[in-house]
PDB file of N, CA and C in Angstrom:
ATOM      1  N   MET A   1       8.076  84.601 -99.073  1.00  0.00           N
ATOM      2  CA  MET A   1       9.384  85.118 -99.431  1.00  0.00           C
ATOM      3  C   MET A   1      10.442  84.389 -98.592  1.00  0.00           C
ATOM      4  N   CYS A   2      11.474  83.970 -99.248  1.00  0.00           N
ATOM      5  CA  CYS A   2      12.541  83.291 -98.520  1.00  0.00           C
ATOM      6  C   CYS A   2      13.883  83.926 -98.888  1.00  0.00           C
ATOM      7  N   SER A   3      14.795  83.834 -97.985  1.00  0.00           N
ATOM      8  CA  SER A   3      16.137  84.366 -98.244  1.00  0.00           C
ATOM      9  C   SER A   3      17.167  83.303 -97.858  1.00  0.00           C
ATOM     10  N   ARG A   4      18.296  83.377 -98.501  1.00  0.00           N
ATOM     11  CA  ARG A   4      19.354  82.390 -98.256  1.00  0.00           C
ATOM     12  C   ARG A   4      20.265  82.891 -97.143  1.00  0.00           C
ATOM     13  N   ARG A   5      20.443  82.048 -96.151  1.00  0.00           N
ATOM     14  CA  ARG A   5      21.375  82.391 -95.081  1.00  0.00           C
ATOM     15  C   ARG A   5      22.781  82.016 -95.518  1.00  0.00           C
ATOM     16  N   HIS A   6      23.702  82.890 -95.279  1.00  0.00           N
ATOM     17  CA  HIS A   6      25.079  82.619 -95.648  1.00  0.00           C
ATOM     18  C   HIS A   6      25.681  81.629 -94.655  1.00  0.00           C
ATOM     19  N   GLY A   7      26.276  80.610 -95.196  1.00  0.00           N
ATOM     20  CA  GLY A   7      26.905  79.609 -94.352  1.00  0.00           C
ATOM     21  C   GLY A   7      28.245  80.099 -93.821  1.00  0.00           C
ATOM     22  N   ARG A   8      28.772  79.344 -92.933  1.00  0.00           N
ATOM     23  CA  ARG A   8      30.058  79.708 -92.345  1.00  0.00           C
ATOM     24  C   ARG A   8      31.195  78.894 -92.948  1.00  0.00           C
ATOM     25  N   GLY A   9      30.929  78.161 -93.985  1.00  0.00           N
ATOM     26  CA  GLY A   9      31.964  77.347 -94.594  1.00  0.00           C
ATOM     27  C   GLY A   9      32.057  75.989 -93.923  1.00  0.00           C
ATOM     28  N   ARG A  10      33.090  75.292 -94.232  1.00  0.00           N
ATOM     29  CA  ARG A  10      33.275  73.954 -93.698  1.00  0.00           C
ATOM     30  C   ARG A  10      33.615  74.026 -92.208  1.00  0.00           C
ATOM     31  N   VAL A  11      33.121  73.079 -91.457  1.00  0.00           N
ATOM     32  CA  VAL A  11      33.388  73.006 -90.024  1.00  0.00           C
ATOM     33  C   VAL A  11      34.834  72.555 -89.832  1.00  0.00           C
ATOM     34  N   ARG A  12      35.539  73.232 -88.940  1.00  0.00           N
ATOM     35  CA  ARG A  12      36.933  72.880 -88.688  1.00  0.00           C
ATOM     36  C   ARG A  12      37.024  71.522 -88.010  1.00  0.00           C
ATOM     37  N   SER A  13      38.049  70.764 -88.383  1.00  0.00           N
ATOM     38  CA  SER A  13      38.207  69.424 -87.827  1.00  0.00           C
ATOM     39  C   SER A  13      38.869  69.437 -86.457  1.00  0.00           C
ATOM     40  N   THR A  14      39.477  70.565 -86.069  1.00  0.00           N
ATOM     41  CA  THR A  14      40.122  70.667 -84.760  1.00  0.00           C
ATOM     42  C   THR A  14      39.614  71.900 -84.030  1.00  0.00           C
ATOM     43  N   THR A  15      39.667  71.811 -82.710  1.00  0.00           N
ATOM     44  CA  THR A  15      39.272  72.946 -81.880  1.00  0.00           C
ATOM     45  C   THR A  15      40.492  73.836 -81.658  1.00  0.00           C
ATOM     46  N   PRO A  16      40.301  75.049 -81.152  1.00  0.00           N
ATOM     47  CA  PRO A  16      41.467  75.900 -80.844  1.00  0.00           C
ATOM     48  C   PRO A  16      42.433  75.267 -79.841  1.00  0.00           C
ATOM     49  N   ALA A  17      41.914  74.517 -78.882  1.00  0.00           N
ATOM     50  CA  ALA A  17      42.793  73.833 -77.925  1.00  0.00           C
ATOM     51  C   ALA A  17      43.616  72.754 -78.625  1.00  0.00           C
ATOM     52  N   GLU A  18      43.001  72.051 -79.564  1.00  0.00           N
ATOM     53  CA  GLU A  18      43.738  71.037 -80.310  1.00  0.00           C
ATOM     54  C   GLU A  18      44.764  71.668 -81.242  1.00  0.00           C
ATOM     55  N   ASP A  19      44.450  72.848 -81.766  1.00  0.00           N
ATOM     56  CA  ASP A  19      45.423  73.570 -82.591  1.00  0.00           C
ATOM     57  C   ASP A  19      46.669  73.901 -81.781  1.00  0.00           C
ATOM     58  N   ILE A  20      46.468  74.331 -80.544  1.00  0.00           N
ATOM     59  CA  ILE A  20      47.602  74.651 -79.664  1.00  0.00           C
ATOM     60  C   ILE A  20      48.411  73.393 -79.390  1.00  0.00           C
ATOM     61  N   TYR A  21      47.723  72.265 -79.172  1.00  0.00           N
ATOM     62  CA  TYR A  21      48.418  70.998 -78.944  1.00  0.00           C
ATOM     63  C   TYR A  21      49.282  70.623 -80.144  1.00  0.00           C
ATOM     64  N   ILE A  22      48.761  70.812 -81.345  1.00  0.00           N
ATOM     65  CA  ILE A  22      49.511  70.481 -82.564  1.00  0.00           C
ATOM     66  C   ILE A  22      50.768  71.333 -82.664  1.00  0.00           C
ATOM     67  N   VAL A  23      50.628  72.632 -82.404  1.00  0.00           N
ATOM     68  CA  VAL A  23      51.782  73.534 -82.491  1.00  0.00           C
ATOM     69  C   VAL A  23      52.808  73.183 -81.425  1.00  0.00           C
ATOM     70  N   LEU A  24      52.355  72.923 -80.199  1.00  0.00           N
ATOM     71  CA  LEU A  24      53.294  72.593 -79.121  1.00  0.00           C
ATOM     72  C   LEU A  24      54.018  71.277 -79.376  1.00  0.00           C
ATOM     73  N   SER A  25      53.304  70.283 -79.905  1.00  0.00           N
ATOM     74  CA  SER A  25      53.972  69.011 -80.181  1.00  0.00           C
ATOM     75  C   SER A  25      55.006  69.166 -81.291  1.00  0.00           C
ATOM     76  N   ALA A  26      54.750  70.055 -82.242  1.00  0.00           N
ATOM     77  CA  ALA A  26      55.743  70.292 -83.301  1.00  0.00           C
ATOM     78  C   ALA A  26      56.933  71.079 -82.752  1.00  0.00           C
ATOM     79  N   LYS A  27      56.679  71.988 -81.806  1.00  0.00           N
ATOM     80  CA  LYS A  27      57.775  72.762 -81.229  1.00  0.00           C
ATOM     81  C   LYS A  27      58.661  71.913 -80.326  1.00  0.00           C
ATOM     82  N   ARG A  28      58.072  70.895 -79.696  1.00  0.00           N
ATOM     83  CA  ARG A  28      58.868  70.028 -78.816  1.00  0.00           C
ATOM     84  C   ARG A  28      59.936  69.284 -79.594  1.00  0.00           C
ATOM     85  N   ASN A  29      59.579  68.844 -80.784  1.00  0.00           N
ATOM     86  CA  ASN A  29      60.544  68.141 -81.629  1.00  0.00           C
ATOM     87  C   ASN A  29      60.479  68.767 -83.014  1.00  0.00           C
ATOM     88  N   ARG A  30      61.414  69.638 -83.314  1.00  0.00           N
ATOM     89  CA  ARG A  30      61.394  70.394 -84.575  1.00  0.00           C
ATOM     90  C   ARG A  30      61.656  69.527 -85.798  1.00  0.00           C
ATOM     91  N   CYS A  31      62.145  68.319 -85.603  1.00  0.00           N
ATOM     92  CA  CYS A  31      62.490  67.465 -86.741  1.00  0.00           C
ATOM     93  C   CYS A  31      61.330  66.611 -87.214  1.00  0.00           C
ATOM     94  N   THR A  32      60.198  66.653 -86.521  1.00  0.00           N
ATOM     95  CA  THR A  32      59.078  65.812 -86.929  1.00  0.00           C
ATOM     96  C   THR A  32      58.406  66.374 -88.169  1.00  0.00           C
ATOM     97  N   THR A  33      57.862  65.493 -88.948  1.00  0.00           N
ATOM     98  CA  THR A  33      57.137  65.895 -90.154  1.00  0.00           C
ATOM     99  C   THR A  33      55.666  66.118 -89.799  1.00  0.00           C
ATOM    100  N   ALA A  34      54.938  66.708 -90.720  1.00  0.00           N
ATOM    101  CA  ALA A  34      53.508  66.946 -90.497  1.00  0.00           C
ATOM    102  C   ALA A  34      52.764  65.619 -90.360  1.00  0.00           C
ATOM    103  N   GLN A  35      53.178  64.616 -91.102  1.00  0.00           N
ATOM    104  CA  GLN A  35      52.528  63.302 -90.999  1.00  0.00           C
ATOM    105  C   GLN A  35      52.766  62.690 -89.626  1.00  0.00           C
ATOM    106  N   GLN A  36      53.966  62.839 -89.089  1.00  0.00           N
ATOM    107  CA  GLN A  36      54.263  62.305 -87.761  1.00  0.00           C
ATOM    108  C   GLN A  36      53.456  63.033 -86.692  1.00  0.00           C
ATOM    109  N   VAL A  37      53.295  64.350 -86.842  1.00  0.00           N
ATOM    110  CA  VAL A  37      52.470  65.106 -85.893  1.00  0.00           C
ATOM    111  C   VAL A  37      51.027  64.650 -85.989  1.00  0.00           C
ATOM    112  N   ALA A  38      50.540  64.370 -87.200  1.00  0.00           N
ATOM    113  CA  ALA A  38      49.174  63.872 -87.374  1.00  0.00           C
ATOM    114  C   ALA A  38      49.008  62.516 -86.699  1.00  0.00           C
ATOM    115  N   ASN A  39      50.012  61.657 -86.792  1.00  0.00           N
ATOM    116  CA  ASN A  39      49.949  60.350 -86.136  1.00  0.00           C
ATOM    117  C   ASN A  39      49.967  60.493 -84.621  1.00  0.00           C
ATOM    118  N   GLN A  40      50.779  61.425 -84.098  1.00  0.00           N
ATOM    119  CA  GLN A  40      50.806  61.681 -82.655  1.00  0.00           C
ATOM    120  C   GLN A  40      49.454  62.205 -82.183  1.00  0.00           C
ATOM    121  N   PHE A  41      48.845  63.065 -82.980  1.00  0.00           N
ATOM    122  CA  PHE A  41      47.544  63.621 -82.634  1.00  0.00           C
ATOM    123  C   PHE A  41      46.485  62.519 -82.610  1.00  0.00           C
ATOM    124  N   LEU A  42      46.556  61.599 -83.556  1.00  0.00           N
ATOM    125  CA  LEU A  42      45.622  60.475 -83.595  1.00  0.00           C
ATOM    126  C   LEU A  42      45.774  59.609 -82.347  1.00  0.00           C
ATOM    127  N   ALA A  43      47.018  59.355 -81.944  1.00  0.00           N
ATOM    128  CA  ALA A  43      47.255  58.536 -80.751  1.00  0.00           C
ATOM    129  C   ALA A  43      46.774  59.247 -79.487  1.00  0.00           C
ATOM    130  N   ALA A  44      46.912  60.564 -79.442  1.00  0.00           N
ATOM    131  CA  ALA A  44      46.547  61.307 -78.240  1.00  0.00           C
ATOM    132  C   ALA A  44      45.050  61.563 -78.129  1.00  0.00           C
ATOM    133  N   SER A  45      44.402  61.899 -79.254  1.00  0.00           N
ATOM    134  CA  SER A  45      43.001  62.314 -79.183  1.00  0.00           C
ATOM    135  C   SER A  45      42.025  61.312 -79.779  1.00  0.00           C
ATOM    136  N   GLY A  46      42.511  60.426 -80.612  1.00  0.00           N
ATOM    137  CA  GLY A  46      41.623  59.488 -81.271  1.00  0.00           C
ATOM    138  C   GLY A  46      40.965  60.052 -82.518  1.00  0.00           C
ATOM    139  N   LYS A  47      41.254  61.310 -82.855  1.00  0.00           N
ATOM    140  CA  LYS A  47      40.707  61.929 -84.061  1.00  0.00           C
ATOM    141  C   LYS A  47      41.759  61.903 -85.159  1.00  0.00           C
ATOM    142  N   GLN A  48      41.340  61.519 -86.349  1.00  0.00           N
ATOM    143  CA  GLN A  48      42.268  61.481 -87.468  1.00  0.00           C
ATOM    144  C   GLN A  48      42.185  62.792 -88.239  1.00  0.00           C
ATOM    145  N   ILE A  49      43.352  63.386 -88.469  1.00  0.00           N
ATOM    146  CA  ILE A  49      43.443  64.605 -89.272  1.00  0.00           C
ATOM    147  C   ILE A  49      44.496  64.382 -90.339  1.00  0.00           C
ATOM    148  N   SER A  50      44.417  65.159 -91.394  1.00  0.00           N
ATOM    149  CA  SER A  50      45.346  64.969 -92.507  1.00  0.00           C
ATOM    150  C   SER A  50      46.641  65.744 -92.277  1.00  0.00           C
ATOM    151  N   ARG A  51      47.620  65.390 -93.071  1.00  0.00           N
ATOM    152  CA  ARG A  51      48.906  66.084 -93.040  1.00  0.00           C
ATOM    153  C   ARG A  51      48.731  67.550 -93.412  1.00  0.00           C
ATOM    154  N   ASN A  52      47.843  67.810 -94.371  1.00  0.00           N
ATOM    155  CA  ASN A  52      47.599  69.188 -94.788  1.00  0.00           C
ATOM    156  C   ASN A  52      46.965  70.016 -93.676  1.00  0.00           C
ATOM    157  N   THR A  53      46.085  69.398 -92.898  1.00  0.00           N
ATOM    158  CA  THR A  53      45.482  70.093 -91.763  1.00  0.00           C
ATOM    159  C   THR A  53      46.560  70.477 -90.757  1.00  0.00           C
ATOM    160  N   VAL A  54      47.466  69.551 -90.479  1.00  0.00           N
ATOM    161  CA  VAL A  54      48.567  69.843 -89.553  1.00  0.00           C
ATOM    162  C   VAL A  54      49.414  70.989 -90.100  1.00  0.00           C
ATOM    163  N   ALA A  55      49.728  70.945 -91.394  1.00  0.00           N
ATOM    164  CA  ALA A  55      50.547  72.010 -91.993  1.00  0.00           C
ATOM    165  C   ALA A  55      49.852  73.366 -91.878  1.00  0.00           C
ATOM    166  N   ARG A  56      48.532  73.395 -92.090  1.00  0.00           N
ATOM    167  CA  ARG A  56      47.784  74.658 -91.955  1.00  0.00           C
ATOM    168  C   ARG A  56      47.791  75.157 -90.519  1.00  0.00           C
ATOM    169  N   ARG A  57      47.624  74.244 -89.560  1.00  0.00           N
ATOM    170  CA  ARG A  57      47.635  74.652 -88.150  1.00  0.00           C
ATOM    171  C   ARG A  57      49.015  75.156 -87.731  1.00  0.00           C
ATOM    172  N   LEU A  58      50.068  74.530 -88.249  1.00  0.00           N
ATOM    173  CA  LEU A  58      51.430  74.981 -87.916  1.00  0.00           C
ATOM    174  C   LEU A  58      51.712  76.345 -88.524  1.00  0.00           C
ATOM    175  N   ARG A  59      51.242  76.571 -89.762  1.00  0.00           N
ATOM    176  CA  ARG A  59      51.404  77.897 -90.367  1.00  0.00           C
ATOM    177  C   ARG A  59      50.638  78.937 -89.577  1.00  0.00           C
ATOM    178  N   GLY A  60      49.455  78.567 -89.096  1.00  0.00           N
ATOM    179  CA  GLY A  60      48.674  79.479 -88.267  1.00  0.00           C
ATOM    180  C   GLY A  60      49.366  79.786 -86.952  1.00  0.00           C
ATOM    181  N   GLY A  61      50.171  78.839 -86.473  1.00  0.00           N
ATOM    182  CA  GLY A  61      50.932  79.036 -85.237  1.00  0.00           C
ATOM    183  C   GLY A  61      52.287  79.671 -85.460  1.00  0.00           C
ATOM    184  N   GLY A  62      52.597  80.034 -86.709  1.00  0.00           N
ATOM    185  CA  GLY A  62      53.868  80.705 -86.997  1.00  0.00           C
ATOM    186  C   GLY A  62      55.014  79.771 -87.315  1.00  0.00           C
ATOM    187  N   LEU A  63      54.745  78.499 -87.556  1.00  0.00           N
ATOM    188  CA  LEU A  63      55.804  77.546 -87.898  1.00  0.00           C
ATOM    189  C   LEU A  63      55.727  77.237 -89.387  1.00  0.00           C
ATOM    190  N   TYR A  64      56.853  77.327 -90.064  1.00  0.00           N
ATOM    191  CA  TYR A  64      56.907  77.091 -91.496  1.00  0.00           C
ATOM    192  C   TYR A  64      57.985  76.064 -91.793  1.00  0.00           C
ATOM    193  N   ALA A  65      57.777  75.272 -92.832  1.00  0.00           N
ATOM    194  CA  ALA A  65      58.756  74.262 -93.222  1.00  0.00           C
ATOM    195  C   ALA A  65      59.910  74.939 -93.953  1.00  0.00           C
ATOM    196  N   ARG A  66      61.117  74.538 -93.602  1.00  0.00           N
ATOM    197  CA  ARG A  66      62.302  75.060 -94.272  1.00  0.00           C
ATOM    198  C   ARG A  66      63.237  73.910 -94.558  1.00  0.00           C
ATOM    199  N   ARG A  67      63.904  74.006 -95.681  1.00  0.00           N
ATOM    200  CA  ARG A  67      64.887  72.990 -96.035  1.00  0.00           C
ATOM    201  C   ARG A  67      66.272  73.533 -95.722  1.00  0.00           C
ATOM    202  N   PRO A  68      67.187  72.658 -95.285  1.00  0.00           N
ATOM    203  CA  PRO A  68      68.550  73.131 -95.057  1.00  0.00           C
ATOM    204  C   PRO A  68      69.205  73.545 -96.370  1.00  0.00           C
ATOM    205  N   VAL A  69      70.035  74.539 -96.304  1.00  0.00           N
ATOM    206  CA  VAL A  69      70.725  75.046 -97.479  1.00  0.00           C
ATOM    207  C   VAL A  69      71.812  74.052 -97.870  1.00  0.00           C
ATOM    208  N   VAL A  70      71.875  73.733 -99.145  1.00  0.00           N
ATOM    209  CA  VAL A  70      72.910  72.830 -99.634  1.00  0.00           C
ATOM    210  C   VAL A  70      74.179  73.641 -99.845  1.00  0.00           C
ATOM    211  N   CYS A  71      75.266  73.196 -99.252  1.00  0.00           N
ATOM    212  CA  CYS A  71      76.517  73.937 -99.380  1.00  0.00           C
ATOM    213  C   CYS A  71      77.674  72.951 -99.491  1.00  0.00           C
ATOM    214  N   VAL A  72      78.808  73.472 -99.886  1.00  0.00           N
ATOM    215  CA  VAL A  72      80.010  72.666-100.035  1.00  0.00           C
ATOM    216  C   VAL A  72      80.646  72.492 -98.666  1.00  0.00           C
ATOM    217  N   LYS A  73      80.878  71.249 -98.290  1.00  0.00           N
ATOM    218  CA  LYS A  73      81.522  70.995 -97.012  1.00  0.00           C
ATOM    219  C   LYS A  73      83.025  71.230 -97.149  1.00  0.00           C
ATOM    220  N   LEU A  74      83.604  71.803 -96.109  1.00  0.00           N
ATOM    221  CA  LEU A  74      85.048  72.005 -96.107  1.00  0.00           C
ATOM    222  C   LEU A  74      85.736  70.709 -95.699  1.00  0.00           C
ATOM    223  N   THR A  75      86.755  70.347 -96.453  1.00  0.00           N
ATOM    224  CA  THR A  75      87.522  69.151 -96.119  1.00  0.00           C
ATOM    225  C   THR A  75      88.567  69.505 -95.064  1.00  0.00           C
ATOM    226  N   ARG A  76      89.214  68.492 -94.550  1.00  0.00           N
ATOM    227  CA  ARG A  76      90.271  68.710 -93.559  1.00  0.00           C
ATOM    228  C   ARG A  76      91.396  69.562 -94.158  1.00  0.00           C
ATOM    229  N   GLN A  77      91.685  69.345 -95.441  1.00  0.00           N
ATOM    230  CA  GLN A  77      92.726  70.122 -96.117  1.00  0.00           C
ATOM    231  C   GLN A  77      92.337  71.600 -96.194  1.00  0.00           C
ATOM    232  N   HIS A  78      91.057  71.885 -96.495  1.00  0.00           N
ATOM    233  CA  HIS A  78      90.597  73.269 -96.522  1.00  0.00           C
ATOM    234  C   HIS A  78      90.740  73.923 -95.156  1.00  0.00           C
ATOM    235  N   ARG A  79      90.339  73.199 -94.118  1.00  0.00           N
ATOM    236  CA  ARG A  79      90.393  73.769 -92.770  1.00  0.00           C
ATOM    237  C   ARG A  79      91.824  74.041 -92.331  1.00  0.00           C
ATOM    238  N   THR A  80      92.734  73.121 -92.638  1.00  0.00           N
ATOM    239  CA  THR A  80      94.125  73.346 -92.237  1.00  0.00           C
ATOM    240  C   THR A  80      94.741  74.503 -93.012  1.00  0.00           C
ATOM    241  N   ALA A  81      94.398  74.639 -94.306  1.00  0.00           N
ATOM    242  CA  ALA A  81      94.919  75.771 -95.089  1.00  0.00           C
ATOM    243  C   ALA A  81      94.384  77.088 -94.555  1.00  0.00           C
ATOM    244  N   ARG A  82      93.111  77.137 -94.180  1.00  0.00           N
ATOM    245  CA  ARG A  82      92.533  78.368 -93.622  1.00  0.00           C
ATOM    246  C   ARG A  82      93.162  78.705 -92.276  1.00  0.00           C
ATOM    247  N   LEU A  83      93.389  77.670 -91.448  1.00  0.00           N
ATOM    248  CA  LEU A  83      94.015  77.896 -90.151  1.00  0.00           C
ATOM    249  C   LEU A  83      95.434  78.409 -90.316  1.00  0.00           C
ATOM    250  N   GLN A  84      96.161  77.854 -91.254  1.00  0.00           N
ATOM    251  CA  GLN A  84      97.524  78.307 -91.511  1.00  0.00           C
ATOM    252  C   GLN A  84      97.522  79.761 -91.968  1.00  0.00           C
ATOM    253  N   TRP A  85      96.596  80.128 -92.856  1.00  0.00           N
ATOM    254  CA  TRP A  85      96.494  81.506 -93.337  1.00  0.00           C
ATOM    255  C   TRP A  85      96.185  82.444 -92.176  1.00  0.00           C
ATOM    256  N   CYS A  86      95.285  82.023 -91.300  1.00  0.00           N
ATOM    257  CA  CYS A  86      94.941  82.862 -90.145  1.00  0.00           C
ATOM    258  C   CYS A  86      96.131  83.053 -89.219  1.00  0.00           C
ATOM    259  N   ARG A  87      96.881  82.002 -89.007  1.00  0.00           N
ATOM    260  CA  ARG A  87      98.054  82.116 -88.127  1.00  0.00           C
ATOM    261  C   ARG A  87      99.124  83.021 -88.735  1.00  0.00           C
ATOM    262  N   GLU A  88      99.252  83.010 -90.061  1.00  0.00           N
ATOM    263  CA  GLU A  88     100.230  83.879 -90.720  1.00  0.00           C
ATOM    264  C   GLU A  88      99.830  85.348 -90.650  1.00  0.00           C
ATOM    265  N   HIS A  89      98.520  85.620 -90.596  1.00  0.00           N
ATOM    266  CA  HIS A  89      98.052  86.998 -90.676  1.00  0.00           C
ATOM    267  C   HIS A  89      97.474  87.546 -89.378  1.00  0.00           C
ATOM    268  N   HIS A  90      97.591  86.823 -88.280  1.00  0.00           N
ATOM    269  CA  HIS A  90      96.965  87.302 -87.049  1.00  0.00           C
ATOM    270  C   HIS A  90      97.678  88.512 -86.441  1.00  0.00           C
ATOM    271  N   ASN A  91      98.892  88.791 -86.847  1.00  0.00           N
ATOM    272  CA  ASN A  91      99.620  89.950 -86.315  1.00  0.00           C
ATOM    273  C   ASN A  91      99.499  91.198 -87.188  1.00  0.00           C
ATOM    274  N   TRP A  92      98.734  91.145 -88.224  1.00  0.00           N
ATOM    275  CA  TRP A  92      98.616  92.285 -89.123  1.00  0.00           C
ATOM    276  C   TRP A  92      97.935  93.460 -88.432  1.00  0.00           C
ATOM    277  N   THR A  93      98.348  94.649 -88.812  1.00  0.00           N
ATOM    278  CA  THR A  93      97.744  95.866 -88.262  1.00  0.00           C
ATOM    279  C   THR A  93      96.639  96.349 -89.197  1.00  0.00           C
ATOM    280  N   GLU A  94      95.963  97.401 -88.788  1.00  0.00           N
ATOM    281  CA  GLU A  94      94.906  97.961 -89.639  1.00  0.00           C
ATOM    282  C   GLU A  94      95.483  98.483 -90.950  1.00  0.00           C
ATOM    283  N   GLN A  95      96.685  99.027 -90.920  1.00  0.00           N
ATOM    284  CA  GLN A  95      97.298  99.526 -92.146  1.00  0.00           C
ATOM    285  C   GLN A  95      97.585  98.389 -93.129  1.00  0.00           C
ATOM    286  N   ASP A  96      97.976  97.235 -92.616  1.00  0.00           N
ATOM    287  CA  ASP A  96      98.195  96.073 -93.482  1.00  0.00           C
ATOM    288  C   ASP A  96      96.895  95.639 -94.145  1.00  0.00           C
ATOM    289  N   TRP A  97      95.788  95.637 -93.377  1.00  0.00           N
ATOM    290  CA  TRP A  97      94.515  95.183 -93.900  1.00  0.00           C
ATOM    291  C   TRP A  97      93.889  96.184 -94.859  1.00  0.00           C
ATOM    292  N   GLU A  98      94.275  97.450 -94.788  1.00  0.00           N
ATOM    293  CA  GLU A  98      93.732  98.447 -95.706  1.00  0.00           C
ATOM    294  C   GLU A  98      94.153  98.189 -97.148  1.00  0.00           C
ATOM    295  N   CYS A  99      95.230  97.458 -97.350  1.00  0.00           N
ATOM    296  CA  CYS A  99      95.721  97.160 -98.692  1.00  0.00           C
ATOM    297  C   CYS A  99      95.070  95.908 -99.296  1.00  0.00           C
ATOM    298  N   VAL A 100      94.203  95.252 -98.552  1.00  0.00           N
ATOM    299  CA  VAL A 100      93.603  94.001 -99.006  1.00  0.00           C
ATOM    300  C   VAL A 100      92.220  94.272 -99.570  1.00  0.00           C
ATOM    301  N   LEU A 101      91.921  93.650-100.704  1.00  0.00           N
ATOM    302  CA  LEU A 101      90.603  93.742-101.309  1.00  0.00           C
ATOM    303  C   LEU A 101      89.989  92.351-101.319  1.00  0.00           C
ATOM    304  N   PHE A 102      88.858  92.190-100.632  1.00  0.00           N
ATOM    305  CA  PHE A 102      88.148  90.917-100.611  1.00  0.00           C
ATOM    306  C   PHE A 102      87.109  90.950-101.717  1.00  0.00           C
ATOM    307  N   SER A 103      87.316  90.168-102.755  1.00  0.00           N
ATOM    308  CA  SER A 103      86.406  90.199-103.899  1.00  0.00           C
ATOM    309  C   SER A 103      85.320  89.132-103.818  1.00  0.00           C
ATOM    310  N   ASP A 104      85.559  88.060-103.101  1.00  0.00           N
ATOM    311  CA  ASP A 104      84.578  86.995-103.004  1.00  0.00           C
ATOM    312  C   ASP A 104      84.247  86.772-101.537  1.00  0.00           C
ATOM    313  N   GLU A 105      83.012  87.071-101.166  1.00  0.00           N
ATOM    314  CA  GLU A 105      82.623  86.918 -99.774  1.00  0.00           C
ATOM    315  C   GLU A 105      81.647  85.760 -99.615  1.00  0.00           C
ATOM    316  N   SER A 106      82.004  84.613-100.165  1.00  0.00           N
ATOM    317  CA  SER A 106      81.173  83.427-100.024  1.00  0.00           C
ATOM    318  C   SER A 106      81.273  82.909 -98.600  1.00  0.00           C
ATOM    319  N   ARG A 107      80.159  82.312 -98.124  1.00  0.00           N
ATOM    320  CA  ARG A 107      80.176  81.716 -96.796  1.00  0.00           C
ATOM    321  C   ARG A 107      80.554  80.252 -96.925  1.00  0.00           C
ATOM    322  N   PHE A 108      81.390  79.798 -96.044  1.00  0.00           N
ATOM    323  CA  PHE A 108      81.765  78.394 -95.991  1.00  0.00           C
ATOM    324  C   PHE A 108      81.310  77.848 -94.659  1.00  0.00           C
ATOM    325  N   ARG A 109      80.794  76.636 -94.669  1.00  0.00           N
ATOM    326  CA  ARG A 109      80.294  76.029 -93.446  1.00  0.00           C
ATOM    327  C   ARG A 109      81.012  74.715 -93.203  1.00  0.00           C
ATOM    328  N   LEU A 110      81.233  74.423 -91.942  1.00  0.00           N
ATOM    329  CA  LEU A 110      81.867  73.158 -91.595  1.00  0.00           C
ATOM    330  C   LEU A 110      80.891  71.996 -91.684  1.00  0.00           C
ATOM    331  N   SER A 111      79.605  72.269 -91.578  1.00  0.00           N
ATOM    332  CA  SER A 111      78.606  71.219 -91.710  1.00  0.00           C
ATOM    333  C   SER A 111      77.538  71.683 -92.686  1.00  0.00           C
ATOM    334  N   SER A 112      76.895  70.734 -93.322  1.00  0.00           N
ATOM    335  CA  SER A 112      75.922  71.084 -94.358  1.00  0.00           C
ATOM    336  C   SER A 112      74.519  71.296 -93.824  1.00  0.00           C
ATOM    337  N   ASP A 113      74.288  71.105 -92.519  1.00  0.00           N
ATOM    338  CA  ASP A 113      72.941  71.220 -91.994  1.00  0.00           C
ATOM    339  C   ASP A 113      72.669  72.564 -91.333  1.00  0.00           C
ATOM    340  N   CYS A 114      73.471  73.564 -91.613  1.00  0.00           N
ATOM    341  CA  CYS A 114      73.237  74.896 -91.069  1.00  0.00           C
ATOM    342  C   CYS A 114      71.969  75.453 -91.706  1.00  0.00           C
ATOM    343  N   ARG A 115      71.031  75.929 -90.903  1.00  0.00           N
ATOM    344  CA  ARG A 115      69.735  76.388 -91.418  1.00  0.00           C
ATOM    345  C   ARG A 115      69.695  77.905 -91.648  1.00  0.00           C
ATOM    346  N   ARG A 116      70.827  78.542 -91.590  1.00  0.00           N
ATOM    347  CA  ARG A 116      70.866  79.985 -91.822  1.00  0.00           C
ATOM    348  C   ARG A 116      70.751  80.260 -93.313  1.00  0.00           C
ATOM    349  N   ASN A 117      69.919  81.216 -93.698  1.00  0.00           N
ATOM    350  CA  ASN A 117      69.738  81.542 -95.117  1.00  0.00           C
ATOM    351  C   ASN A 117      70.696  82.617 -95.552  1.00  0.00           C
TER     352      ASN A 117
END
């Protein structure tokens, strides 16, 4: 009589210590890509790992890829008009502001690389 032993799946290509190294190297420079981290890992350890392996290890370490939000950049004319409006209304009291209805609460950013969602 024979029975089948359940396997443990595929052997991991990195150790837990190497996983920590991958996460720390990505945290040191947040702008690096998974491929660049894989190349750094190859240079440091001599072991080749794939970009997908790096992405899985980073997700396991709590790091996720995010793209910057695309937004309309404010021109110099927009900024000067907003500043002028603020200077005209900086002396308003609470009673003055109670009569104002803000219907559009869009966010405007001075730069397009703001990572806030």
